[in-house]
C-alpha atoms as a PDB file:
ATOM      1  CA  MET A   1      45.448  70.248 -15.449  1.00  0.00           C
ATOM      2  CA  ASN A   2      41.998  71.008 -13.710  1.00  0.00           C
ATOM      3  CA  PRO A   3      41.726  69.637 -10.247  1.00  0.00           C
ATOM      4  CA  PRO A   4      38.721  67.554 -10.970  1.00  0.00           C
ATOM      5  CA  LEU A   5      40.336  66.019 -14.126  1.00  0.00           C
ATOM      6  CA  GLN A   6      43.464  65.508 -12.018  1.00  0.00           C
ATOM      7  CA  ASN A   7      41.620  63.528  -9.455  1.00  0.00           C
ATOM      8  CA  VAL A   8      39.909  61.346 -11.882  1.00  0.00           C
ATOM      9  CA  THR A   9      43.309  60.588 -13.523  1.00  0.00           C
ATOM     10  CA  SER A  10      44.886  59.757 -10.194  1.00  0.00           C
ATOM     11  CA  SER A  11      42.001  57.450  -9.320  1.00  0.00           C
ATOM     12  CA  TYR A  12      42.334  55.599 -12.630  1.00  0.00           C
ATOM     13  CA  GLU A  13      46.095  55.272 -12.154  1.00  0.00           C
ATOM     14  CA  LYS A  14      45.550  53.640  -8.732  1.00  0.00           C
ATOM     15  CA  TYR A  15      43.057  51.259 -10.260  1.00  0.00           C
ATOM     16  CA  GLN A  16      45.386  50.254 -13.045  1.00  0.00           C
ATOM     17  CA  MET A  17      48.252  49.646 -10.468  1.00  0.00           C
ATOM     18  CA  ALA A  18      45.894  47.463  -8.231  1.00  0.00           C
ATOM     19  CA  VAL A  19      44.732  45.393 -11.273  1.00  0.00           C
ATOM     20  CA  ASN A  20      48.219  44.858 -12.666  1.00  0.00           C
ATOM     21  CA  SER A  21      49.782  44.001  -9.224  1.00  0.00           C
ATOM     22  CA  PRO A  22      50.909  40.316  -8.912  1.00  0.00           C
ATOM     23  CA  GLU A  23      48.696  39.823  -5.991  1.00  0.00           C
ATOM     24  CA  SER A  24      45.557  40.701  -7.924  1.00  0.00           C
ATOM     25  CA  THR A  25      46.202  38.979 -11.084  1.00  0.00           C
ATOM     26  CA  VAL A  26      44.099  35.941 -11.769  1.00  0.00           C
ATOM     27  CA  THR A  27      45.615  33.454 -14.019  1.00  0.00           C
ATOM     28  CA  PRO A  28      43.728  30.765 -15.950  1.00  0.00           C
ATOM     29  CA  GLN A  29      45.457  28.093 -13.756  1.00  0.00           C
ATOM     30  CA  ASN A  30      44.301  29.802 -10.543  1.00  0.00           C
ATOM     31  CA  GLN A  31      40.784  30.289 -11.883  1.00  0.00           C
ATOM     32  CA  SER A  32      40.560  26.537 -12.946  1.00  0.00           C
ATOM     33  CA  GLU A  33      41.821  25.463  -9.640  1.00  0.00           C
ATOM     34  CA  SER A  34      39.071  27.549  -7.989  1.00  0.00           C
ATOM     35  CA  ASN A  35      36.341  26.226 -10.167  1.00  0.00           C
ATOM     36  CA  ALA A  36      37.405  22.648  -9.524  1.00  0.00           C
ATOM     37  CA  GLY A  37      37.508  23.298  -5.762  1.00  0.00           C
ATOM     38  CA  THR A  38      33.914  24.612  -5.944  1.00  0.00           C
ATOM     39  CA  ARG A  39      32.651  21.709  -7.977  1.00  0.00           C
ATOM     40  CA  ILE A  40      34.138  19.235  -5.495  1.00  0.00           C
ATOM     41  CA  ARG A  41      32.691  21.140  -2.514  1.00  0.00           C
ATOM     42  CA  ASN A  42      29.186  21.219  -4.105  1.00  0.00           C
ATOM     43  CA  PHE A  43      29.435  17.465  -4.948  1.00  0.00           C
ATOM     44  CA  LEU A  44      30.388  16.756  -1.397  1.00  0.00           C
ATOM     45  CA  ILE A  45      27.478  18.776  -0.136  1.00  0.00           C
ATOM     46  CA  ALA A  46      25.106  16.908  -2.478  1.00  0.00           C
ATOM     47  CA  LEU A  47      26.384  13.543  -1.216  1.00  0.00           C
ATOM     48  CA  VAL A  48      25.879  14.564   2.400  1.00  0.00           C
ATOM     49  CA  ALA A  49      22.386  15.714   1.605  1.00  0.00           C
ATOM     50  CA  ILE A  50      21.600  12.449  -0.182  1.00  0.00           C
ATOM     51  CA  ALA A  51      22.942  10.452   2.788  1.00  0.00           C
ATOM     52  CA  LEU A  52      20.906  12.293   5.325  1.00  0.00           C
ATOM     53  CA  THR A  53      17.763  12.049   3.218  1.00  0.00           C
ATOM     54  CA  VAL A  54      18.220   8.252   3.030  1.00  0.00           C
ATOM     55  CA  SER A  55      19.040   7.866   6.642  1.00  0.00           C
ATOM     56  CA  LEU A  56      15.784   9.722   7.596  1.00  0.00           C
ATOM     57  CA  PHE A  57      13.695   7.731   5.180  1.00  0.00           C
ATOM     58  CA  LEU A  58      15.005   4.460   6.427  1.00  0.00           C
ATOM     59  CA  GLY A  59      14.620   5.692  10.073  1.00  0.00           C
ATOM     60  CA  PHE A  60      11.000   6.546   9.684  1.00  0.00           C
ATOM     61  CA  ARG A  61       9.946   3.740   7.232  1.00  0.00           C
ATOM     62  CA  THR A  62      11.960   0.739   8.250  1.00  0.00           C
ATOM     63  CA  GLU A  63      10.404  -1.444  10.819  1.00  0.00           C
ATOM     64  CA  THR A  64      11.329  -4.944  12.028  1.00  0.00           C
ATOM     65  CA  PRO A  65       8.879  -7.808  11.111  1.00  0.00           C
ATOM     66  CA  THR A  66       7.870  -8.181  14.673  1.00  0.00           C
ATOM     67  CA  GLY A  67       7.292  -4.447  14.941  1.00  0.00           C
ATOM     68  CA  VAL A  68       4.969  -4.472  11.856  1.00  0.00           C
ATOM     69  CA  LEU A  69       2.956  -7.339  13.491  1.00  0.00           C
ATOM     70  CA  GLU A  70       2.725  -5.476  16.680  1.00  0.00           C
ATOM     71  CA  ALA A  71       1.506  -2.317  14.737  1.00  0.00           C
ATOM     72  CA  LEU A  72      -1.073  -4.467  12.927  1.00  0.00           C
ATOM     73  CA  ALA A  73      -2.386  -5.943  16.224  1.00  0.00           C
ATOM     74  CA  ALA A  74      -2.533  -2.466  17.808  1.00  0.00           C
ATOM     75  CA  GLU A  75      -4.736  -1.193  14.989  1.00  0.00           C
ATOM     76  CA  ALA A  76      -6.845  -4.312  14.636  1.00  0.00           C
ATOM     77  CA  THR A  77     -10.743  -4.248  15.303  1.00  0.00           C
ATOM     78  CA  PRO A  78     -11.544  -6.069  18.435  1.00  0.00           C
ATOM     79  CA  LEU A  79     -13.300  -9.397  17.833  1.00  0.00           C
ATOM     80  CA  GLU A  80     -16.379  -8.585  19.776  1.00  0.00           C
ATOM     81  CA  VAL A  81     -16.849  -5.340  17.700  1.00  0.00           C
ATOM     82  CA  ALA A  82     -16.168  -7.050  14.408  1.00  0.00           C
ATOM     83  CA  ILE A  83     -18.801  -9.796  14.686  1.00  0.00           C
ATOM     84  CA  SER A  84     -21.384  -7.145  15.315  1.00  0.00           C
ATOM     85  CA  ASN A  85     -20.746  -4.083  13.260  1.00  0.00           C
ATOM     86  CA  GLY A  86     -22.244  -5.248  10.055  1.00  0.00           C
ATOM     87  CA  LYS A  87     -18.931  -5.524   8.064  1.00  0.00           C
ATOM     88  CA  PRO A  88     -17.252  -8.607   6.652  1.00  0.00           C
ATOM     89  CA  THR A  89     -14.135  -9.626   8.576  1.00  0.00           C
ATOM     90  CA  LEU A  90     -10.692 -11.189   8.035  1.00  0.00           C
ATOM     91  CA  MET A  91      -9.511 -12.777  11.209  1.00  0.00           C
ATOM     92  CA  GLU A  92      -5.913 -13.823  11.430  1.00  0.00           C
ATOM     93  CA  PHE A  93      -4.356 -16.166  13.939  1.00  0.00           C
ATOM     94  CA  TYR A  94      -0.718 -15.222  14.384  1.00  0.00           C
ATOM     95  CA  ALA A  95       2.197 -15.090  16.674  1.00  0.00           C
ATOM     96  CA  ASP A  96       5.199 -12.631  16.881  1.00  0.00           C
ATOM     97  CA  TRP A  97       7.619 -15.509  16.368  1.00  0.00           C
ATOM     98  CA  CYS A  98       5.848 -16.748  13.244  1.00  0.00           C
ATOM     99  CA  THR A  99       8.098 -16.230  10.160  1.00  0.00           C
ATOM    100  CA  SER A 100       5.247 -16.722   7.656  1.00  0.00           C
ATOM    101  CA  CYS A 101       3.191 -14.096   9.596  1.00  0.00           C
ATOM    102  CA  GLN A 102       6.109 -11.797   9.472  1.00  0.00           C
ATOM    103  CA  ALA A 103       6.654 -12.266   5.696  1.00  0.00           C
ATOM    104  CA  MET A 104       2.972 -11.344   5.079  1.00  0.00           C
ATOM    105  CA  ALA A 105       2.930  -8.410   7.430  1.00  0.00           C
ATOM    106  CA  PRO A 106       3.894  -5.813   4.963  1.00  0.00           C
ATOM    107  CA  ASP A 107       1.223  -6.889   2.524  1.00  0.00           C
ATOM    108  CA  MET A 108      -1.352  -7.141   5.201  1.00  0.00           C
ATOM    109  CA  VAL A 109      -0.507  -3.570   6.152  1.00  0.00           C
ATOM    110  CA  GLU A 110      -1.314  -2.337   2.680  1.00  0.00           C
ATOM    111  CA  LEU A 111      -4.342  -4.522   2.312  1.00  0.00           C
ATOM    112  CA  LYS A 112      -5.719  -2.909   5.551  1.00  0.00           C
ATOM    113  CA  GLN A 113      -5.027   0.557   4.273  1.00  0.00           C
ATOM    114  CA  GLN A 114      -6.858  -0.375   0.953  1.00  0.00           C
ATOM    115  CA  TYR A 115      -9.943  -2.200   2.343  1.00  0.00           C
ATOM    116  CA  GLY A 116      -9.895  -1.030   6.003  1.00  0.00           C
ATOM    117  CA  ASP A 117     -13.059   0.981   5.535  1.00  0.00           C
ATOM    118  CA  LYS A 118     -15.029  -1.983   4.036  1.00  0.00           C
ATOM    119  CA  LEU A 119     -14.010  -4.874   6.291  1.00  0.00           C
ATOM    120  CA  ASN A 120     -12.689  -5.648   9.669  1.00  0.00           C
ATOM    121  CA  PHE A 121      -9.131  -6.863  10.225  1.00  0.00           C
ATOM    122  CA  VAL A 122      -8.959  -8.834  13.427  1.00  0.00           C
ATOM    123  CA  MET A 123      -5.778 -10.184  14.867  1.00  0.00           C
ATOM    124  CA  LEU A 124      -5.650 -12.941  17.440  1.00  0.00           C
ATOM    125  CA  ASN A 125      -2.403 -13.883  19.058  1.00  0.00           C
ATOM    126  CA  VAL A 126      -2.217 -17.623  19.567  1.00  0.00           C
ATOM    127  CA  ASP A 127       0.169 -17.200  22.509  1.00  0.00           C
ATOM    128  CA  ASN A 128      -2.595 -15.391  24.420  1.00  0.00           C
ATOM    129  CA  THR A 129      -4.652 -18.022  26.302  1.00  0.00           C
ATOM    130  CA  LYS A 130      -7.616 -15.649  26.020  1.00  0.00           C
ATOM    131  CA  TRP A 131      -8.093 -17.024  22.535  1.00  0.00           C
ATOM    132  CA  LEU A 132      -8.050 -20.690  23.388  1.00  0.00           C
ATOM    133  CA  PRO A 133     -11.822 -21.208  22.604  1.00  0.00           C
ATOM    134  CA  GLU A 134     -11.299 -19.633  19.156  1.00  0.00           C
ATOM    135  CA  ILE A 135      -8.114 -21.703  18.612  1.00  0.00           C
ATOM    136  CA  SER A 136     -10.036 -24.824  19.374  1.00  0.00           C
ATOM    137  CA  ARG A 137     -13.122 -23.833  17.478  1.00  0.00           C
ATOM    138  CA  TYR A 138     -11.192 -23.206  14.228  1.00  0.00           C
ATOM    139  CA  ARG A 139      -8.699 -26.116  14.764  1.00  0.00           C
ATOM    140  CA  VAL A 140      -5.715 -23.884  14.431  1.00  0.00           C
ATOM    141  CA  ASP A 141      -2.645 -26.009  14.225  1.00  0.00           C
ATOM    142  CA  GLY A 142      -0.546 -23.684  11.869  1.00  0.00           C
ATOM    143  CA  ILE A 143      -0.166 -20.147  11.393  1.00  0.00           C
ATOM    144  CA  PRO A 144      -1.049 -17.692   9.836  1.00  0.00           C
ATOM    145  CA  ASP A 145      -4.647 -18.980   9.894  1.00  0.00           C
ATOM    146  CA  PHE A 146      -7.216 -16.782   8.185  1.00  0.00           C
ATOM    147  CA  VAL A 147     -10.889 -16.971   8.823  1.00  0.00           C
ATOM    148  CA  PHE A 148     -13.264 -15.183   6.542  1.00  0.00           C
ATOM    149  CA  MET A 149     -16.551 -13.956   8.043  1.00  0.00           C
ATOM    150  CA  ASN A 150     -19.582 -12.386   6.385  1.00  0.00           C
ATOM    151  CA  ASN A 151     -21.236  -9.237   7.485  1.00  0.00           C
ATOM    152  CA  GLN A 152     -23.275 -11.193   9.982  1.00  0.00           C
ATOM    153  CA  GLY A 153     -20.139 -12.448  11.800  1.00  0.00           C
ATOM    154  CA  VAL A 154     -20.506 -16.063  10.516  1.00  0.00           C
ATOM    155  CA  ALA A 155     -17.387 -17.795   9.301  1.00  0.00           C
ATOM    156  CA  ILE A 156     -17.831 -18.867   5.631  1.00  0.00           C
ATOM    157  CA  ALA A 157     -14.246 -20.002   4.914  1.00  0.00           C
ATOM    158  CA  GLN A 158     -10.716 -20.594   6.128  1.00  0.00           C
ATOM    159  CA  SER A 159      -7.347 -20.776   4.760  1.00  0.00           C
ATOM    160  CA  ILE A 160      -4.075 -21.583   6.236  1.00  0.00           C
ATOM    161  CA  GLY A 161      -0.516 -20.481   5.480  1.00  0.00           C
ATOM    162  CA  GLU A 162       1.309 -17.743   3.624  1.00  0.00           C
ATOM    163  CA  GLN A 163      -0.796 -16.309   0.886  1.00  0.00           C
ATOM    164  CA  PRO A 164       0.465 -14.258  -2.212  1.00  0.00           C
ATOM    165  CA  ARG A 165      -0.767 -10.804  -2.290  1.00  0.00           C
ATOM    166  CA  PRO A 166      -2.899 -11.216  -5.383  1.00  0.00           C
ATOM    167  CA  VAL A 167      -4.659 -14.194  -3.889  1.00  0.00           C
ATOM    168  CA  MET A 168      -5.599 -12.449  -0.671  1.00  0.00           C
ATOM    169  CA  THR A 169      -6.624  -9.386  -2.684  1.00  0.00           C
ATOM    170  CA  ALA A 170      -9.092 -11.413  -4.836  1.00  0.00           C
ATOM    171  CA  ASN A 171     -10.375 -13.165  -1.645  1.00  0.00           C
ATOM    172  CA  LEU A 172     -11.001  -9.930   0.131  1.00  0.00           C
ATOM    173  CA  GLU A 173     -12.769  -8.328  -2.702  1.00  0.00           C
ATOM    174  CA  ALA A 174     -15.055 -11.399  -3.253  1.00  0.00           C
ATOM    175  CA  LEU A 175     -15.732 -11.237   0.543  1.00  0.00           C
ATOM    176  CA  ILE A 176     -16.741  -7.633   0.381  1.00  0.00           C
ATOM    177  CA  ALA A 177     -18.848  -8.226  -2.643  1.00  0.00           C
ATOM    178  CA  GLU A 178     -20.580 -11.211  -0.947  1.00  0.00           C
ATOM    179  CA  GLN A 179     -19.251 -13.676  -3.685  1.00  0.00           C
ATOM    180  CA  PRO A 180     -17.627 -17.101  -3.207  1.00  0.00           C
ATOM    181  CA  LEU A 181     -13.893 -16.799  -2.450  1.00  0.00           C
ATOM    182  CA  PRO A 182     -12.006 -17.760  -5.488  1.00  0.00           C
ATOM    183  CA  TYR A 183      -8.725 -18.959  -3.973  1.00  0.00           C
ATOM    184  CA  ILE A 184      -9.769 -20.339  -0.567  1.00  0.00           C
ATOM    185  CA  GLN A 185      -8.300 -23.786  -1.348  1.00  0.00           C
ATOM    186  CA  SER A 186      -4.742 -22.560  -1.682  1.00  0.00           C
ATOM    187  CA  ALA A 187      -2.437 -23.280   1.230  1.00  0.00           C
ATOM    188  CA  GLY A 188       0.915 -21.802   1.814  1.00  0.00           C
ATOM    189  CA  GLN A 189       3.873 -22.058   4.100  1.00  0.00           C
ATOM    190  CA  ILE A 190       3.143 -22.165   7.788  1.00  0.00           C
ATOM    191  CA  SER A 191       4.661 -21.948  11.173  1.00  0.00           C
ATOM    192  CA  PRO A 192       3.555 -25.085  13.142  1.00  0.00           C
ATOM    193  CA  PHE A 193       1.584 -24.387  16.217  1.00  0.00           C
ATOM    194  CA  GLN A 194       0.423 -26.728  19.085  1.00  0.00           C
ATOM    195  CA  PRO A 195      -2.348 -25.360  21.183  1.00  0.00           C
ATOM    196  CA  PRO A 196      -1.640 -25.800  24.948  1.00  0.00           C
ATOM    197  CA  VAL A 197      -5.084 -27.179  25.510  1.00  0.00           C
ATOM    198  CA  THR A 198      -6.725 -29.558  23.110  1.00  0.00           C
ATOM    199  CA  GLU A 199     -10.410 -29.751  22.884  1.00  0.00           C
ATOM    200  CA  LYS A 200     -12.952 -31.297  20.604  1.00  0.00           C
ATOM    201  CA  SER A 201     -13.606 -29.279  17.610  1.00  0.00           C
ATOM    202  CA  SER A 202     -16.781 -27.451  17.245  1.00  0.00           C
ATOM    203  CA  SER A 203     -19.584 -28.481  14.856  1.00  0.00           C
ATOM    204  CA  GLU A 204     -19.319 -24.933  13.487  1.00  0.00           C
ATOM    205  CA  ASP A 205     -15.750 -25.393  12.310  1.00  0.00           C
ATOM    206  CA  PRO A 206     -15.656 -23.675   8.815  1.00  0.00           C
ATOM    207  CA  ARG A 207     -12.629 -25.406   7.320  1.00  0.00           C
ATOM    208  CA  SER A 208     -10.863 -28.727   6.645  1.00  0.00           C
ATOM    209  CA  HIS A 209      -7.184 -27.591   6.238  1.00  0.00           C
ATOM    210  CA  GLY A 210      -7.794 -25.022   3.458  1.00  0.00           C
ATOM    211  CA  SER A 211     -11.062 -26.344   2.010  1.00  0.00           C
ATOM    212  CA  GLN A 212     -13.963 -23.907   1.710  1.00  0.00           C
ATOM    213  CA  VAL A 213     -16.960 -24.791   3.711  1.00  0.00           C
ATOM    214  CA  GLN A 214     -20.230 -23.011   3.271  1.00  0.00           C
ATOM    215  CA  GLN A 215     -22.379 -22.429   6.390  1.00  0.00           C
END
């Protein structure tokens, strides 16, 4: 036998011995167990990935009701700016402890994102004595209390209590369009509030517990 052919034959025989050895033989049972193990491992990896994604989402998007109110207040337009910048204004009297204010906070965030370029969103905390003149002027005795102002900074209507999202949306669109507010007489759930100082109401008070008053 020629040396090259002999080498090829020898290599083939070694290959055959390795394939047929007990250690290298892959039985259907071993292959099935291997595939099952791979599927389980991939399933566990997928579960971990989903759990991490959900945790990150909740960590970045979930806020406490008080936190949402604080964020709204931090981004609100200052009152002195709102009454002089030529845009209509929604002014809300609120407090961090007000459960009705907290319930409306997510809707108010979305409304601000939707209409923030067309009107001012003003937030006045009733626990801040700085706003006592405004609290007295608008006879705030329950919160949330919303005052709607035209683009001249003049209060044209006022509503009290928790408002459904569609109601608030319709009122804001009418305010922007300089049309009568359609749902201003609706009154929702409130958190009672007693001002620390009681003064006589101003003659410019624009509401009578939820009724629209034209200036």
